[in-house]
Amino acid sequence: MLINGSDLLNLVDPRLKQYIFTKFKDNSETLSACFEELLKFLYISSKYPKLKRTFIPLTQEVDDIWHSLILQTAYYQKLCEALPSGRMVHHESITFNDYKTDIPRKELVDEMLQWISLYVKNFGDIAEDRLKFWFFIKMIKQTLNITLDELNRHARNDVHFKNDLVLNCR
């Protein structure tokens, strides 16, 4: 069963949501979408604790919201407890540029494809308006020269996802 982004927003204490929207002085759909994508990242990180996660595959804008959440320690802990593992999702700062120099290109692409596959498995297809929050998805599309529809199709059928696409990135 797919998880709806608004269901994830409902996990967040209303006071914490208000704090975020006030801090970032915005009540727009963009901030709400940004917040939802952060919650999707936290959900995947919690549900798949063995997933290699040494870089944050989200934009700085999303990371800034995460920093603000973490500083509200009691609320953040309560949010993490409501996620699948019930454990704290920790933050580690490393830039993508630093990260990608430490591992082989095939391994990097494979890891990014795994994130995409888990996103689609849990939340459904990646929508065009959400790409701006996941910087590496745009990079994957360009590297592999495929459309978002093709990427979503491969992710839904992840049996062949990695093999078909990783072969194209060499």
Protein backbone atom coordinates (compact mmCIF):
# COMPACT_ATOMS: atom_id res chain seq x y z
CA MET A 1 0.00 0.00 0.00
CA LEU A 2 1.33 3.42 -0.94
CA ILE A 3 1.84 6.12 1.67
CA ASN A 4 0.32 9.52 1.00
CA GLY A 5 2.43 12.62 1.70
CA SER A 6 -0.38 14.19 3.71
CA ASP A 7 -0.43 11.08 5.93
CA LEU A 8 3.23 11.77 6.70
CA LEU A 9 2.45 15.41 7.48
CA ASN A 10 -0.16 14.17 9.96
CA LEU A 11 2.66 12.49 11.92
CA VAL A 12 4.10 15.91 12.70
CA ASP A 13 2.87 17.71 15.80
CA PRO A 14 0.84 20.78 14.73
CA ARG A 15 3.06 23.03 16.87
CA LEU A 16 6.14 21.77 15.06
CA LYS A 17 4.49 22.36 11.67
CA GLN A 18 3.56 25.87 12.76
CA TYR A 19 7.14 26.48 13.92
CA ILE A 20 8.53 25.40 10.53
CA PHE A 21 6.06 27.46 8.51
CA THR A 22 6.69 30.49 10.72
CA LYS A 23 10.47 30.09 10.70
CA PHE A 24 10.59 29.88 6.94
CA LYS A 25 7.95 32.63 6.69
CA ASP A 26 5.96 30.75 4.15
CA ASN A 27 2.67 28.92 4.07
CA SER A 28 2.92 28.10 0.40
CA GLU A 29 2.47 24.85 -1.43
CA THR A 30 6.20 24.86 -2.17
CA LEU A 31 7.17 24.77 1.50
CA SER A 32 4.53 22.13 2.16
CA ALA A 33 5.87 20.01 -0.73
CA CYS A 34 9.44 20.52 0.49
CA PHE A 35 8.39 19.41 3.99
CA GLU A 36 6.61 16.35 2.56
CA GLU A 37 9.71 15.30 0.63
CA LEU A 38 11.79 15.59 3.80
CA LEU A 39 9.28 13.36 5.57
CA LYS A 40 9.48 10.85 2.71
CA PHE A 41 13.25 10.80 3.08
CA LEU A 42 12.94 10.27 6.84
CA TYR A 43 10.37 7.53 6.27
CA ILE A 44 12.62 5.65 3.82
CA SER A 45 15.62 6.13 6.11
CA SER A 46 13.64 4.75 9.03
CA LYS A 47 12.00 1.85 7.18
CA TYR A 48 15.26 0.69 5.57
CA PRO A 49 17.90 1.23 8.28
CA LYS A 50 20.51 -0.82 6.42
CA LEU A 51 20.23 1.49 3.43
CA LYS A 52 23.56 3.18 2.91
CA ARG A 53 22.89 6.80 3.76
CA THR A 54 26.04 8.82 4.10
CA PHE A 55 24.91 11.71 1.96
CA ILE A 56 21.60 13.49 1.97
CA PRO A 57 19.98 13.11 -1.45
CA LEU A 58 17.88 16.22 -0.97
CA THR A 59 18.47 19.87 -1.75
CA GLN A 60 19.86 22.38 0.72
CA GLU A 61 16.38 23.85 1.08
CA VAL A 62 15.07 20.52 2.42
CA ASP A 63 18.16 20.01 4.57
CA ASP A 64 17.58 23.41 6.19
CA ILE A 65 14.11 22.29 7.26
CA TRP A 66 15.61 19.09 8.65
CA HIS A 67 18.09 21.11 10.70
CA SER A 68 15.19 23.11 12.13
CA LEU A 69 13.30 19.92 13.00
CA ILE A 70 16.29 18.39 14.74
CA LEU A 71 16.70 21.45 16.95
CA GLN A 72 13.20 20.88 18.32
CA THR A 73 14.49 17.75 20.02
CA ALA A 74 11.37 16.53 21.81
CA TYR A 75 9.16 17.00 18.75
CA TYR A 76 11.77 15.48 16.44
CA GLN A 77 12.14 12.45 18.70
CA LYS A 78 8.36 12.01 18.76
CA LEU A 79 8.26 12.25 14.95
CA CYS A 80 11.01 9.62 14.59
CA GLU A 81 9.18 7.33 16.99
CA ALA A 82 6.13 7.53 14.70
CA LEU A 83 8.20 6.38 11.70
CA PRO A 84 8.52 2.65 10.81
CA SER A 85 11.61 1.81 12.90
CA GLY A 86 10.56 3.97 15.85
CA ARG A 87 14.20 5.06 16.17
CA MET A 88 15.95 8.36 15.69
CA VAL A 89 16.96 9.19 12.13
CA HIS A 90 20.35 10.82 12.54
CA HIS A 91 21.81 13.53 10.37
CA GLU A 92 25.28 13.33 8.87
CA SER A 93 26.72 16.23 6.90
CA ILE A 94 28.72 15.41 3.82
CA THR A 95 28.43 17.12 0.49
CA PHE A 96 27.48 15.08 -2.53
CA ASN A 97 30.65 16.20 -4.30
CA ASP A 98 32.78 14.87 -1.44
CA TYR A 99 30.74 11.67 -1.28
CA LYS A 100 30.91 10.90 -4.98
CA THR A 101 34.71 11.12 -5.02
CA ASP A 102 34.93 8.37 -2.39
CA ILE A 103 33.06 5.60 -4.22
CA PRO A 104 33.11 4.09 -7.73
CA ARG A 105 30.63 5.59 -10.20
CA LYS A 106 28.71 2.31 -10.64
CA GLU A 107 28.22 2.01 -6.88
CA LEU A 108 27.08 5.63 -6.67
CA VAL A 109 24.54 5.21 -9.46
CA ASP A 110 23.35 1.91 -7.96
CA GLU A 111 22.80 3.62 -4.60
CA MET A 112 20.87 6.48 -6.19
CA LEU A 113 18.73 4.02 -8.16
CA GLN A 114 17.96 2.20 -4.92
CA TRP A 115 16.65 5.46 -3.41
CA ILE A 116 14.45 6.02 -6.46
CA SER A 117 13.12 2.47 -6.35
CA LEU A 118 12.27 2.74 -2.64
CA TYR A 119 10.60 6.10 -3.19
CA VAL A 120 8.36 4.70 -5.93
CA LYS A 121 7.67 1.51 -3.95
CA ASN A 122 6.50 3.50 -0.91
CA PHE A 123 4.96 6.67 -2.38
CA GLY A 124 4.20 5.97 -6.02
CA ASP A 125 5.70 7.60 -9.07
CA ILE A 126 7.92 10.62 -8.63
CA ALA A 127 6.04 13.68 -9.82
CA GLU A 128 7.71 16.30 -11.98
CA ASP A 129 7.13 19.02 -9.37
CA ARG A 130 9.00 16.97 -6.74
CA LEU A 131 12.20 16.57 -8.76
CA LYS A 132 13.52 19.91 -7.56
CA PHE A 133 13.86 18.54 -4.01
CA TRP A 134 15.83 15.40 -4.98
CA PHE A 135 18.85 16.81 -6.79
CA PHE A 136 20.29 13.46 -7.84
CA ILE A 137 17.16 12.30 -9.68
CA LYS A 138 17.61 15.05 -12.25
CA MET A 139 21.26 14.05 -12.53
CA ILE A 140 20.32 10.38 -13.05
CA LYS A 141 17.82 11.34 -15.75
CA GLN A 142 20.47 13.36 -17.55
CA THR A 143 23.22 10.77 -17.08
CA LEU A 144 21.06 7.96 -18.40
CA ASN A 145 19.29 10.18 -20.94
CA ILE A 146 15.80 8.97 -19.95
CA THR A 147 12.51 10.66 -19.18
CA LEU A 148 10.88 10.77 -15.76
CA ASP A 149 8.19 8.38 -17.03
CA GLU A 150 10.89 5.89 -18.06
CA LEU A 151 12.63 6.27 -14.71
CA ASN A 152 9.37 5.68 -12.83
CA ARG A 153 8.60 2.65 -15.00
CA HIS A 154 12.01 1.14 -14.29
CA ALA A 155 11.60 1.86 -10.57
CA ARG A 156 8.22 0.14 -10.45
CA ASN A 157 9.85 -2.93 -11.99
CA ASP A 158 13.01 -2.85 -9.92
CA VAL A 159 13.94 -6.45 -10.79
CA HIS A 160 15.53 -5.08 -13.96
CA PHE A 161 15.94 -1.52 -12.75
CA LYS A 162 19.53 -1.62 -11.62
CA ASN A 163 20.84 -4.00 -14.27
CA ASP A 164 19.26 -2.14 -17.20
CA LEU A 165 20.19 1.34 -16.05
CA VAL A 166 23.56 0.81 -14.40
CA LEU A 167 24.88 -0.79 -17.58
CA ASN A 168 24.10 2.48 -19.35
CA CYS A 169 26.11 4.64 -16.93
CA ARG A 170 29.57 3.21 -17.56
